[in-house]
């Protein structure tokens, strides 16, 4: 499966962005596509993942109430709506296939999100 992210950019604090993830190739479980982010020199952070215990969606504490994932398997798209963005959200964002509990095994090239005034 191939994943291609887009939609990143520069936004002021408090602003919003919508990221897009185009999925090509066969992938049966769209619920197992999540998002992680990474800042150069820092460890990857799982932002939205699928919990292996119950299949529910996990949101990182720092993004709860601000970020929302949605999926449209008919269009082969996954979306990440990010509201009330903060400077600490600045990172390269990747959509990825999730083996469970934020263990990602395949991702795209990423899209840069910069939150700055």
PDB file of N, CA and C in Angstrom:
ATOM      1  N   UNK A   1       0.847  -1.174   0.000  1.00  0.00           N
ATOM      2  CA  UNK A   1       0.000   0.000   0.000  1.00  0.00           C
ATOM      3  C   UNK A   1       0.893   1.239   0.000  1.00  0.00           C
ATOM      4  N   UNK A   2       0.468   2.240  -0.746  1.00  0.00           N
ATOM      5  CA  UNK A   2       1.228   3.489  -0.837  1.00  0.00           C
ATOM      6  C   UNK A   2       0.417   4.612  -0.212  1.00  0.00           C
ATOM      7  N   UNK A   3       1.089   5.432   0.575  1.00  0.00           N
ATOM      8  CA  UNK A   3       0.449   6.536   1.281  1.00  0.00           C
ATOM      9  C   UNK A   3       1.108   7.847   0.865  1.00  0.00           C
ATOM     10  N   UNK A   4       0.301   8.841   0.548  1.00  0.00           N
ATOM     11  CA  UNK A   4       0.824  10.139   0.148  1.00  0.00           C
ATOM     12  C   UNK A   4       0.114  11.230   0.940  1.00  0.00           C
ATOM     13  N   UNK A   5       0.904  11.959   1.723  1.00  0.00           N
ATOM     14  CA  UNK A   5       0.347  13.026   2.553  1.00  0.00           C
ATOM     15  C   UNK A   5       0.408  14.375   1.835  1.00  0.00           C
ATOM     16  N   UNK A   6      -0.524  15.238   2.181  1.00  0.00           N
ATOM     17  CA  UNK A   6      -0.516  16.606   1.665  1.00  0.00           C
ATOM     18  C   UNK A   6      -1.323  17.488   2.614  1.00  0.00           C
ATOM     19  N   UNK A   7      -1.265  18.790   2.368  1.00  0.00           N
ATOM     20  CA  UNK A   7      -2.089  19.711   3.132  1.00  0.00           C
ATOM     21  C   UNK A   7      -1.353  20.496   4.198  1.00  0.00           C
ATOM     22  N   UNK A   8      -0.094  20.193   4.409  1.00  0.00           N
ATOM     23  CA  UNK A   8       0.663  20.932   5.409  1.00  0.00           C
ATOM     24  C   UNK A   8       0.939  22.357   4.978  1.00  0.00           C
ATOM     25  N   UNK A   9       1.491  23.127   5.901  1.00  0.00           N
ATOM     26  CA  UNK A   9       1.815  24.512   5.593  1.00  0.00           C
ATOM     27  C   UNK A   9       2.142  25.298   6.835  1.00  0.00           C
ATOM     28  N   UNK A  10       2.188  26.608   6.653  1.00  0.00           N
ATOM     29  CA  UNK A  10       2.459  27.527   7.755  1.00  0.00           C
ATOM     30  C   UNK A  10       1.139  28.110   8.247  1.00  0.00           C
ATOM     31  N   UNK A  11       0.922  28.062   9.531  1.00  0.00           N
ATOM     32  CA  UNK A  11      -0.322  28.578  10.113  1.00  0.00           C
ATOM     33  C   UNK A  11       0.003  29.279  11.417  1.00  0.00           C
ATOM     34  N   UNK A  12      -0.780  30.277  11.735  1.00  0.00           N
ATOM     35  CA  UNK A  12      -0.579  30.990  12.994  1.00  0.00           C
ATOM     36  C   UNK A  12      -1.143  30.196  14.153  1.00  0.00           C
ATOM     37  N   UNK A  13      -0.615  30.426  15.346  1.00  0.00           N
ATOM     38  CA  UNK A  13      -1.196  29.770  16.528  1.00  0.00           C
ATOM     39  C   UNK A  13      -2.695  30.050  16.619  1.00  0.00           C
ATOM     40  N   UNK A  14      -3.435  28.994  16.950  1.00  0.00           N
ATOM     41  CA  UNK A  14      -4.886  29.109  16.996  1.00  0.00           C
ATOM     42  C   UNK A  14      -5.570  28.791  15.686  1.00  0.00           C
ATOM     43  N   UNK A  15      -4.800  28.664  14.640  1.00  0.00           N
ATOM     44  CA  UNK A  15      -5.358  28.366  13.332  1.00  0.00           C
ATOM     45  C   UNK A  15      -5.645  26.887  13.135  1.00  0.00           C
ATOM     46  N   UNK A  16      -6.106  26.568  11.934  1.00  0.00           N
ATOM     47  CA  UNK A  16      -6.487  25.197  11.604  1.00  0.00           C
ATOM     48  C   UNK A  16      -5.846  24.756  10.293  1.00  0.00           C
ATOM     49  N   UNK A  17      -5.659  23.462  10.179  1.00  0.00           N
ATOM     50  CA  UNK A  17      -5.201  22.851   8.941  1.00  0.00           C
ATOM     51  C   UNK A  17      -5.892  21.508   8.799  1.00  0.00           C
ATOM     52  N   UNK A  18      -6.057  21.104   7.550  1.00  0.00           N
ATOM     53  CA  UNK A  18      -6.571  19.768   7.277  1.00  0.00           C
ATOM     54  C   UNK A  18      -5.515  19.040   6.436  1.00  0.00           C
ATOM     55  N   UNK A  19      -5.069  17.925   6.948  1.00  0.00           N
ATOM     56  CA  UNK A  19      -4.111  17.100   6.233  1.00  0.00           C
ATOM     57  C   UNK A  19      -4.835  15.986   5.499  1.00  0.00           C
ATOM     58  N   UNK A  20      -4.253  15.601   4.384  1.00  0.00           N
ATOM     59  CA  UNK A  20      -4.842  14.574   3.538  1.00  0.00           C
ATOM     60  C   UNK A  20      -3.867  13.415   3.377  1.00  0.00           C
ATOM     61  N   UNK A  21      -4.429  12.225   3.325  1.00  0.00           N
ATOM     62  CA  UNK A  21      -3.623  11.031   3.094  1.00  0.00           C
ATOM     63  C   UNK A  21      -4.327  10.204   2.017  1.00  0.00           C
ATOM     64  N   UNK A  22      -3.691  10.151   0.853  1.00  0.00           N
ATOM     65  CA  UNK A  22      -4.227   9.343  -0.242  1.00  0.00           C
ATOM     66  C   UNK A  22      -3.646   7.944  -0.144  1.00  0.00           C
ATOM     67  N   UNK A  23      -4.532   6.972  -0.170  1.00  0.00           N
ATOM     68  CA  UNK A  23      -4.127   5.577  -0.010  1.00  0.00           C
ATOM     69  C   UNK A  23      -4.332   4.850  -1.329  1.00  0.00           C
ATOM     70  N   UNK A  24      -3.282   4.237  -1.822  1.00  0.00           N
ATOM     71  CA  UNK A  24      -3.409   3.450  -3.045  1.00  0.00           C
ATOM     72  C   UNK A  24      -2.905   2.042  -2.789  1.00  0.00           C
ATOM     73  N   UNK A  25      -3.435   1.123  -3.549  1.00  0.00           N
ATOM     74  CA  UNK A  25      -3.118  -0.274  -3.314  1.00  0.00           C
ATOM     75  C   UNK A  25      -4.131  -0.883  -2.357  1.00  0.00           C
ATOM     76  N   UNK A  26      -4.139  -2.185  -2.291  1.00  0.00           N
ATOM     77  CA  UNK A  26      -5.130  -2.849  -1.461  1.00  0.00           C
ATOM     78  C   UNK A  26      -4.780  -2.736   0.023  1.00  0.00           C
ATOM     79  N   UNK A  27      -5.755  -2.287   0.783  1.00  0.00           N
ATOM     80  CA  UNK A  27      -5.589  -2.241   2.241  1.00  0.00           C
ATOM     81  C   UNK A  27      -6.955  -2.441   2.866  1.00  0.00           C
ATOM     82  N   UNK A  28      -7.108  -3.553   3.563  1.00  0.00           N
ATOM     83  CA  UNK A  28      -8.439  -3.951   4.003  1.00  0.00           C
ATOM     84  C   UNK A  28      -8.963  -3.152   5.189  1.00  0.00           C
ATOM     85  N   UNK A  29      -8.088  -2.726   6.068  1.00  0.00           N
ATOM     86  CA  UNK A  29      -8.534  -2.137   7.337  1.00  0.00           C
ATOM     87  C   UNK A  29      -8.185  -0.659   7.395  1.00  0.00           C
ATOM     88  N   UNK A  30      -9.092   0.181   6.914  1.00  0.00           N
ATOM     89  CA  UNK A  30      -8.842   1.615   6.940  1.00  0.00           C
ATOM     90  C   UNK A  30      -8.746   2.165   8.358  1.00  0.00           C
ATOM     91  N   UNK A  31      -9.362   1.475   9.301  1.00  0.00           N
ATOM     92  CA  UNK A  31      -9.271   1.929  10.689  1.00  0.00           C
ATOM     93  C   UNK A  31      -7.855   1.808  11.234  1.00  0.00           C
ATOM     94  N   UNK A  32      -7.025   1.066  10.550  1.00  0.00           N
ATOM     95  CA  UNK A  32      -5.644   0.881  10.993  1.00  0.00           C
ATOM     96  C   UNK A  32      -4.694   1.847  10.319  1.00  0.00           C
ATOM     97  N   UNK A  33      -5.215   2.915   9.776  1.00  0.00           N
ATOM     98  CA  UNK A  33      -4.361   3.990   9.268  1.00  0.00           C
ATOM     99  C   UNK A  33      -4.425   5.135  10.260  1.00  0.00           C
ATOM    100  N   UNK A  34      -3.277   5.512  10.775  1.00  0.00           N
ATOM    101  CA  UNK A  34      -3.206   6.585  11.753  1.00  0.00           C
ATOM    102  C   UNK A  34      -2.202   7.645  11.336  1.00  0.00           C
ATOM    103  N   UNK A  35      -1.831   8.455  12.292  1.00  0.00           N
ATOM    104  CA  UNK A  35      -0.889   9.548  12.030  1.00  0.00           C
ATOM    105  C   UNK A  35       0.177   9.597  13.118  1.00  0.00           C
ATOM    106  N   UNK A  36       1.382   9.870  12.705  1.00  0.00           N
ATOM    107  CA  UNK A  36       2.414  10.214  13.662  1.00  0.00           C
ATOM    108  C   UNK A  36       3.118  11.467  13.177  1.00  0.00           C
ATOM    109  N   UNK A  37       3.904  12.067  14.063  1.00  0.00           N
ATOM    110  CA  UNK A  37       4.651  13.265  13.683  1.00  0.00           C
ATOM    111  C   UNK A  37       6.075  13.152  14.212  1.00  0.00           C
ATOM    112  N   UNK A  38       6.938  13.897  13.588  1.00  0.00           N
ATOM    113  CA  UNK A  38       8.334  13.847  13.988  1.00  0.00           C
ATOM    114  C   UNK A  38       9.004  15.182  13.750  1.00  0.00           C
ATOM    115  N   UNK A  39       9.768  15.600  14.750  1.00  0.00           N
ATOM    116  CA  UNK A  39      10.610  16.784  14.661  1.00  0.00           C
ATOM    117  C   UNK A  39      12.037  16.291  14.495  1.00  0.00           C
ATOM    118  N   UNK A  40      12.810  16.891  13.591  1.00  0.00           N
ATOM    119  CA  UNK A  40      14.197  16.446  13.418  1.00  0.00           C
ATOM    120  C   UNK A  40      14.949  16.413  14.736  1.00  0.00           C
ATOM    121  N   UNK A  41      15.622  15.299  14.981  1.00  0.00           N
ATOM    122  CA  UNK A  41      16.395  15.161  16.203  1.00  0.00           C
ATOM    123  C   UNK A  41      15.602  14.638  17.388  1.00  0.00           C
ATOM    124  N   UNK A  42      14.295  14.470  17.187  1.00  0.00           N
ATOM    125  CA  UNK A  42      13.449  13.961  18.279  1.00  0.00           C
ATOM    126  C   UNK A  42      12.777  12.658  17.859  1.00  0.00           C
ATOM    127  N   UNK A  43      12.284  11.953  18.839  1.00  0.00           N
ATOM    128  CA  UNK A  43      11.620  10.687  18.562  1.00  0.00           C
ATOM    129  C   UNK A  43      10.260  10.916  17.914  1.00  0.00           C
ATOM    130  N   UNK A  44       9.853   9.941  17.148  1.00  0.00           N
ATOM    131  CA  UNK A  44       8.532   9.955  16.542  1.00  0.00           C
ATOM    132  C   UNK A  44       7.461   9.954  17.633  1.00  0.00           C
ATOM    133  N   UNK A  45       6.379  10.686  17.390  1.00  0.00           N
ATOM    134  CA  UNK A  45       5.246  10.703  18.325  1.00  0.00           C
ATOM    135  C   UNK A  45       4.009  10.165  17.640  1.00  0.00           C
ATOM    136  N   UNK A  46       3.418   9.155  18.207  1.00  0.00           N
ATOM    137  CA  UNK A  46       2.140   8.684  17.708  1.00  0.00           C
ATOM    138  C   UNK A  46       1.070   9.697  18.052  1.00  0.00           C
ATOM    139  N   UNK A  47       0.365  10.209  17.059  1.00  0.00           N
ATOM    140  CA  UNK A  47      -0.659  11.221  17.284  1.00  0.00           C
ATOM    141  C   UNK A  47      -2.036  10.571  17.365  1.00  0.00           C
ATOM    142  N   UNK A  48      -2.342   9.735  16.395  1.00  0.00           N
ATOM    143  CA  UNK A  48      -3.618   9.016  16.370  1.00  0.00           C
ATOM    144  C   UNK A  48      -3.317   7.584  15.954  1.00  0.00           C
ATOM    145  N   UNK A  49      -3.770   6.661  16.776  1.00  0.00           N
ATOM    146  CA  UNK A  49      -3.451   5.254  16.557  1.00  0.00           C
ATOM    147  C   UNK A  49      -4.686   4.401  16.825  1.00  0.00           C
ATOM    148  N   UNK A  50      -4.543   3.133  16.491  1.00  0.00           N
ATOM    149  CA  UNK A  50      -5.602   2.171  16.790  1.00  0.00           C
ATOM    150  C   UNK A  50      -5.161   1.303  17.952  1.00  0.00           C
ATOM    151  N   UNK A  51      -5.991   1.238  18.969  1.00  0.00           N
ATOM    152  CA  UNK A  51      -5.666   0.424  20.129  1.00  0.00           C
ATOM    153  C   UNK A  51      -5.893  -1.042  19.803  1.00  0.00           C
ATOM    154  N   UNK A  52      -4.895  -1.866  20.077  1.00  0.00           N
ATOM    155  CA  UNK A  52      -5.035  -3.282  19.776  1.00  0.00           C
ATOM    156  C   UNK A  52      -5.968  -3.974  20.762  1.00  0.00           C
ATOM    157  N   UNK A  53      -6.159  -3.394  21.948  1.00  0.00           N
ATOM    158  CA  UNK A  53      -6.972  -4.037  22.990  1.00  0.00           C
ATOM    159  C   UNK A  53      -8.444  -4.067  22.614  1.00  0.00           C
ATOM    160  N   UNK A  54      -8.937  -2.961  22.034  1.00  0.00           N
ATOM    161  CA  UNK A  54     -10.364  -2.898  21.746  1.00  0.00           C
ATOM    162  C   UNK A  54     -10.694  -2.300  20.384  1.00  0.00           C
ATOM    163  N   UNK A  55      -9.674  -1.939  19.636  1.00  0.00           N
ATOM    164  CA  UNK A  55      -9.903  -1.382  18.310  1.00  0.00           C
ATOM    165  C   UNK A  55     -10.305   0.073  18.293  1.00  0.00           C
ATOM    166  N   UNK A  56     -10.387   0.674  19.460  1.00  0.00           N
ATOM    167  CA  UNK A  56     -10.761   2.084  19.516  1.00  0.00           C
ATOM    168  C   UNK A  56      -9.607   2.969  19.055  1.00  0.00           C
ATOM    169  N   UNK A  57      -9.943   4.222  18.804  1.00  0.00           N
ATOM    170  CA  UNK A  57      -8.950   5.188  18.349  1.00  0.00           C
ATOM    171  C   UNK A  57      -8.315   5.890  19.542  1.00  0.00           C
ATOM    172  N   UNK A  58      -7.025   5.936  19.516  1.00  0.00           N
ATOM    173  CA  UNK A  58      -6.253   6.621  20.552  1.00  0.00           C
ATOM    174  C   UNK A  58      -5.799   7.971  20.017  1.00  0.00           C
ATOM    175  N   UNK A  59      -6.028   9.020  20.803  1.00  0.00           N
ATOM    176  CA  UNK A  59      -5.508  10.346  20.509  1.00  0.00           C
ATOM    177  C   UNK A  59      -4.460  10.698  21.561  1.00  0.00           C
ATOM    178  N   UNK A  60      -3.338  11.170  21.097  1.00  0.00           N
ATOM    179  CA  UNK A  60      -2.316  11.634  22.036  1.00  0.00           C
ATOM    180  C   UNK A  60      -2.929  12.716  22.930  1.00  0.00           C
ATOM    181  N   UNK A  61      -2.585  12.708  24.206  1.00  0.00           N
ATOM    182  CA  UNK A  61      -3.197  13.642  25.164  1.00  0.00           C
ATOM    183  C   UNK A  61      -3.095  15.088  24.699  1.00  0.00           C
ATOM    184  N   UNK A  62      -1.970  15.442  24.149  1.00  0.00           N
ATOM    185  CA  UNK A  62      -1.747  16.845  23.793  1.00  0.00           C
ATOM    186  C   UNK A  62      -2.608  17.311  22.619  1.00  0.00           C
ATOM    187  N   UNK A  63      -3.240  16.370  21.898  1.00  0.00           N
ATOM    188  CA  UNK A  63      -4.056  16.779  20.751  1.00  0.00           C
ATOM    189  C   UNK A  63      -5.535  16.498  20.968  1.00  0.00           C
ATOM    190  N   UNK A  64      -5.882  15.877  22.062  1.00  0.00           N
ATOM    191  CA  UNK A  64      -7.294  15.562  22.337  1.00  0.00           C
ATOM    192  C   UNK A  64      -8.136  16.828  22.333  1.00  0.00           C
ATOM    193  N   UNK A  65      -9.265  16.742  21.666  1.00  0.00           N
ATOM    194  CA  UNK A  65     -10.155  17.888  21.589  1.00  0.00           C
ATOM    195  C   UNK A  65      -9.786  18.874  20.501  1.00  0.00           C
ATOM    196  N   UNK A  66      -8.618  18.697  19.904  1.00  0.00           N
ATOM    197  CA  UNK A  66      -8.177  19.627  18.846  1.00  0.00           C
ATOM    198  C   UNK A  66      -8.024  18.924  17.490  1.00  0.00           C
ATOM    199  N   UNK A  67      -7.605  17.681  17.512  1.00  0.00           N
ATOM    200  CA  UNK A  67      -7.365  16.932  16.277  1.00  0.00           C
ATOM    201  C   UNK A  67      -8.475  15.895  16.096  1.00  0.00           C
ATOM    202  N   UNK A  68      -8.866  15.682  14.853  1.00  0.00           N
ATOM    203  CA  UNK A  68      -9.885  14.688  14.550  1.00  0.00           C
ATOM    204  C   UNK A  68      -9.498  13.940  13.285  1.00  0.00           C
ATOM    205  N   UNK A  69      -9.534  12.634  13.358  1.00  0.00           N
ATOM    206  CA  UNK A  69      -9.268  11.818  12.178  1.00  0.00           C
ATOM    207  C   UNK A  69     -10.594  11.401  11.556  1.00  0.00           C
ATOM    208  N   UNK A  70     -10.600  11.351  10.243  1.00  0.00           N
ATOM    209  CA  UNK A  70     -11.747  10.782   9.542  1.00  0.00           C
ATOM    210  C   UNK A  70     -11.223   9.975   8.368  1.00  0.00           C
ATOM    211  N   UNK A  71     -12.029   9.004   7.969  1.00  0.00           N
ATOM    212  CA  UNK A  71     -11.591   8.092   6.914  1.00  0.00           C
ATOM    213  C   UNK A  71     -12.717   7.895   5.910  1.00  0.00           C
ATOM    214  N   UNK A  72     -12.387   7.840   4.652  1.00  0.00           N
ATOM    215  CA  UNK A  72     -13.357   7.592   3.592  1.00  0.00           C
ATOM    216  C   UNK A  72     -12.784   6.498   2.708  1.00  0.00           C
ATOM    217  N   UNK A  73     -13.168   5.279   3.010  1.00  0.00           N
ATOM    218  CA  UNK A  73     -12.602   4.154   2.263  1.00  0.00           C
ATOM    219  C   UNK A  73     -13.063   4.153   0.811  1.00  0.00           C
ATOM    220  N   UNK A  74     -14.232   4.712   0.545  1.00  0.00           N
ATOM    221  CA  UNK A  74     -14.726   4.760  -0.832  1.00  0.00           C
ATOM    222  C   UNK A  74     -13.844   5.657  -1.707  1.00  0.00           C
ATOM    223  N   UNK A  75     -13.271   6.680  -1.085  1.00  0.00           N
ATOM    224  CA  UNK A  75     -12.395   7.600  -1.824  1.00  0.00           C
ATOM    225  C   UNK A  75     -10.924   7.303  -1.576  1.00  0.00           C
ATOM    226  N   UNK A  76     -10.661   6.281  -0.755  1.00  0.00           N
ATOM    227  CA  UNK A  76      -9.280   5.931  -0.398  1.00  0.00           C
ATOM    228  C   UNK A  76      -8.537   7.112   0.214  1.00  0.00           C
ATOM    229  N   UNK A  77      -9.222   7.795   1.119  1.00  0.00           N
ATOM    230  CA  UNK A  77      -8.639   8.968   1.747  1.00  0.00           C
ATOM    231  C   UNK A  77      -8.773   8.889   3.264  1.00  0.00           C
ATOM    232  N   UNK A  78      -7.758   9.411   3.921  1.00  0.00           N
ATOM    233  CA  UNK A  78      -7.794   9.602   5.369  1.00  0.00           C
ATOM    234  C   UNK A  78      -7.455  11.067   5.618  1.00  0.00           C
ATOM    235  N   UNK A  79      -8.165  11.669   6.561  1.00  0.00           N
ATOM    236  CA  UNK A  79      -8.007  13.088   6.818  1.00  0.00           C
ATOM    237  C   UNK A  79      -7.627  13.322   8.274  1.00  0.00           C
ATOM    238  N   UNK A  80      -6.889  14.394   8.498  1.00  0.00           N
ATOM    239  CA  UNK A  80      -6.583  14.819   9.853  1.00  0.00           C
ATOM    240  C   UNK A  80      -6.917  16.295   9.960  1.00  0.00           C
ATOM    241  N   UNK A  81      -7.970  16.607  10.695  1.00  0.00           N
ATOM    242  CA  UNK A  81      -8.360  17.993  10.931  1.00  0.00           C
ATOM    243  C   UNK A  81      -7.705  18.459  12.219  1.00  0.00           C
ATOM    244  N   UNK A  82      -6.968  19.533  12.119  1.00  0.00           N
ATOM    245  CA  UNK A  82      -6.237  20.052  13.274  1.00  0.00           C
ATOM    246  C   UNK A  82      -6.720  21.467  13.568  1.00  0.00           C
ATOM    247  N   UNK A  83      -7.299  21.661  14.733  1.00  0.00           N
ATOM    248  CA  UNK A  83      -7.791  22.960  15.162  1.00  0.00           C
ATOM    249  C   UNK A  83      -6.961  23.496  16.322  1.00  0.00           C
ATOM    250  N   UNK A  84      -7.075  24.798  16.535  1.00  0.00           N
ATOM    251  CA  UNK A  84      -6.382  25.445  17.655  1.00  0.00           C
ATOM    252  C   UNK A  84      -4.911  25.009  17.722  1.00  0.00           C
ATOM    253  N   UNK A  85      -4.248  25.130  16.615  1.00  0.00           N
ATOM    254  CA  UNK A  85      -2.866  24.675  16.534  1.00  0.00           C
ATOM    255  C   UNK A  85      -1.948  25.493  17.417  1.00  0.00           C
ATOM    256  N   UNK A  86      -0.956  24.810  17.938  1.00  0.00           N
ATOM    257  CA  UNK A  86       0.011  25.417  18.849  1.00  0.00           C
ATOM    258  C   UNK A  86       1.416  25.278  18.268  1.00  0.00           C
ATOM    259  N   UNK A  87       2.328  26.136  18.662  1.00  0.00           N
ATOM    260  CA  UNK A  87       3.701  26.022  18.142  1.00  0.00           C
ATOM    261  C   UNK A  87       4.306  24.640  18.367  1.00  0.00           C
ATOM    262  N   UNK A  88       3.940  23.993  19.461  1.00  0.00           N
ATOM    263  CA  UNK A  88       4.487  22.668  19.737  1.00  0.00           C
ATOM    264  C   UNK A  88       3.926  21.581  18.829  1.00  0.00           C
ATOM    265  N   UNK A  89       2.954  21.928  17.992  1.00  0.00           N
ATOM    266  CA  UNK A  89       2.456  20.987  16.995  1.00  0.00           C
ATOM    267  C   UNK A  89       3.323  20.984  15.738  1.00  0.00           C
ATOM    268  N   UNK A  90       4.267  21.888  15.668  1.00  0.00           N
ATOM    269  CA  UNK A  90       5.154  21.958  14.509  1.00  0.00           C
ATOM    270  C   UNK A  90       5.938  20.660  14.363  1.00  0.00           C
ATOM    271  N   UNK A  91       5.838  20.053  13.179  1.00  0.00           N
ATOM    272  CA  UNK A  91       6.490  18.770  12.924  1.00  0.00           C
ATOM    273  C   UNK A  91       6.193  18.353  11.488  1.00  0.00           C
ATOM    274  N   UNK A  92       6.849  17.297  11.061  1.00  0.00           N
ATOM    275  CA  UNK A  92       6.445  16.625   9.823  1.00  0.00           C
ATOM    276  C   UNK A  92       5.420  15.559  10.216  1.00  0.00           C
ATOM    277  N   UNK A  93       4.299  15.589   9.544  1.00  0.00           N
ATOM    278  CA  UNK A  93       3.219  14.664   9.849  1.00  0.00           C
ATOM    279  C   UNK A  93       3.156  13.569   8.787  1.00  0.00           C
ATOM    280  N   UNK A  94       2.993  12.345   9.261  1.00  0.00           N
ATOM    281  CA  UNK A  94       2.947  11.179   8.385  1.00  0.00           C
ATOM    282  C   UNK A  94       1.666  10.398   8.648  1.00  0.00           C
ATOM    283  N   UNK A  95       1.007   9.972   7.603  1.00  0.00           N
ATOM    284  CA  UNK A  95      -0.020   8.958   7.788  1.00  0.00           C
ATOM    285  C   UNK A  95       0.662   7.611   7.603  1.00  0.00           C
ATOM    286  N   UNK A  96       0.159   6.616   8.286  1.00  0.00           N
ATOM    287  CA  UNK A  96       0.869   5.345   8.320  1.00  0.00           C
ATOM    288  C   UNK A  96      -0.069   4.210   8.663  1.00  0.00           C
ATOM    289  N   UNK A  97       0.296   3.026   8.228  1.00  0.00           N
ATOM    290  CA  UNK A  97      -0.444   1.834   8.633  1.00  0.00           C
ATOM    291  C   UNK A  97       0.029   1.425  10.021  1.00  0.00           C
ATOM    292  N   UNK A  98      -0.939   1.151  10.853  1.00  0.00           N
ATOM    293  CA  UNK A  98      -0.690   0.927  12.277  1.00  0.00           C
ATOM    294  C   UNK A  98      -0.930  -0.544  12.600  1.00  0.00           C
ATOM    295  N   UNK A  99       0.103  -1.208  13.101  1.00  0.00           N
ATOM    296  CA  UNK A  99      -0.054  -2.602  13.510  1.00  0.00           C
ATOM    297  C   UNK A  99      -0.834  -2.698  14.820  1.00  0.00           C
ATOM    298  N   UNK A 100      -0.985  -1.567  15.475  1.00  0.00           N
ATOM    299  CA  UNK A 100      -1.690  -1.488  16.744  1.00  0.00           C
ATOM    300  C   UNK A 100      -0.840  -0.758  17.764  1.00  0.00           C
ATOM    301  N   UNK A 101      -1.477   0.097  18.539  1.00  0.00           N
ATOM    302  CA  UNK A 101      -0.780   0.797  19.623  1.00  0.00           C
ATOM    303  C   UNK A 101       0.387   1.632  19.108  1.00  0.00           C
ATOM    304  N   UNK A 102       0.153   2.303  17.993  1.00  0.00           N
ATOM    305  CA  UNK A 102       1.143   3.229  17.431  1.00  0.00           C
ATOM    306  C   UNK A 102       2.433   2.543  16.982  1.00  0.00           C
ATOM    307  N   UNK A 103       2.330   1.298  16.570  1.00  0.00           N
ATOM    308  CA  UNK A 103       3.465   0.623  15.944  1.00  0.00           C
ATOM    309  C   UNK A 103       3.224   0.698  14.444  1.00  0.00           C
ATOM    310  N   UNK A 104       3.925   1.624  13.806  1.00  0.00           N
ATOM    311  CA  UNK A 104       3.686   1.906  12.397  1.00  0.00           C
ATOM    312  C   UNK A 104       4.684   1.148  11.535  1.00  0.00           C
ATOM    313  N   UNK A 105       4.200   0.633  10.395  1.00  0.00           N
ATOM    314  CA  UNK A 105       5.108  -0.153   9.569  1.00  0.00           C
ATOM    315  C   UNK A 105       5.228   0.350   8.139  1.00  0.00           C
ATOM    316  N   UNK A 106       4.456   1.339   7.768  1.00  0.00           N
ATOM    317  CA  UNK A 106       4.520   1.851   6.404  1.00  0.00           C
ATOM    318  C   UNK A 106       3.978   3.266   6.402  1.00  0.00           C
ATOM    319  N   UNK A 107       4.690   4.198   5.764  1.00  0.00           N
ATOM    320  CA  UNK A 107       4.233   5.583   5.752  1.00  0.00           C
ATOM    321  C   UNK A 107       4.697   6.290   4.508  1.00  0.00           C
ATOM    322  N   UNK A 108       4.167   7.486   4.306  1.00  0.00           N
ATOM    323  CA  UNK A 108       4.510   8.254   3.134  1.00  0.00           C
ATOM    324  C   UNK A 108       5.697   9.163   3.367  1.00  0.00           C
ATOM    325  N   UNK A 109       5.785  10.194   2.542  1.00  0.00           N
ATOM    326  CA  UNK A 109       6.925  11.098   2.612  1.00  0.00           C
ATOM    327  C   UNK A 109       6.744  12.195   3.657  1.00  0.00           C
ATOM    328  N   UNK A 110       5.516  12.332   4.152  1.00  0.00           N
ATOM    329  CA  UNK A 110       5.243  13.318   5.183  1.00  0.00           C
ATOM    330  C   UNK A 110       4.886  14.685   4.622  1.00  0.00           C
ATOM    331  N   UNK A 111       4.264  15.487   5.461  1.00  0.00           N
ATOM    332  CA  UNK A 111       3.938  16.859   5.101  1.00  0.00           C
ATOM    333  C   UNK A 111       4.271  17.772   6.279  1.00  0.00           C
ATOM    334  N   UNK A 112       4.937  18.869   5.998  1.00  0.00           N
ATOM    335  CA  UNK A 112       5.424  19.753   7.053  1.00  0.00           C
ATOM    336  C   UNK A 112       4.302  20.656   7.554  1.00  0.00           C
ATOM    337  N   UNK A 113       4.156  20.705   8.856  1.00  0.00           N
ATOM    338  CA  UNK A 113       3.232  21.637   9.508  1.00  0.00           C
ATOM    339  C   UNK A 113       4.062  22.555  10.393  1.00  0.00           C
ATOM    340  N   UNK A 114       3.938  23.848  10.165  1.00  0.00           N
ATOM    341  CA  UNK A 114       4.654  24.828  10.962  1.00  0.00           C
ATOM    342  C   UNK A 114       3.647  25.791  11.566  1.00  0.00           C
ATOM    343  N   UNK A 115       3.680  25.891  12.884  1.00  0.00           N
ATOM    344  CA  UNK A 115       2.772  26.788  13.593  1.00  0.00           C
ATOM    345  C   UNK A 115       3.615  27.907  14.193  1.00  0.00           C
ATOM    346  N   UNK A 116       3.434  29.086  13.663  1.00  0.00           N
ATOM    347  CA  UNK A 116       4.272  30.206  14.087  1.00  0.00           C
ATOM    348  C   UNK A 116       3.593  31.517  13.734  1.00  0.00           C
ATOM    349  N   UNK A 117       3.819  32.508  14.569  1.00  0.00           N
ATOM    350  CA  UNK A 117       3.297  33.834  14.278  1.00  0.00           C
ATOM    351  C   UNK A 117       4.337  34.672  13.523  1.00  0.00           C
TER     352      UNK A 117
END
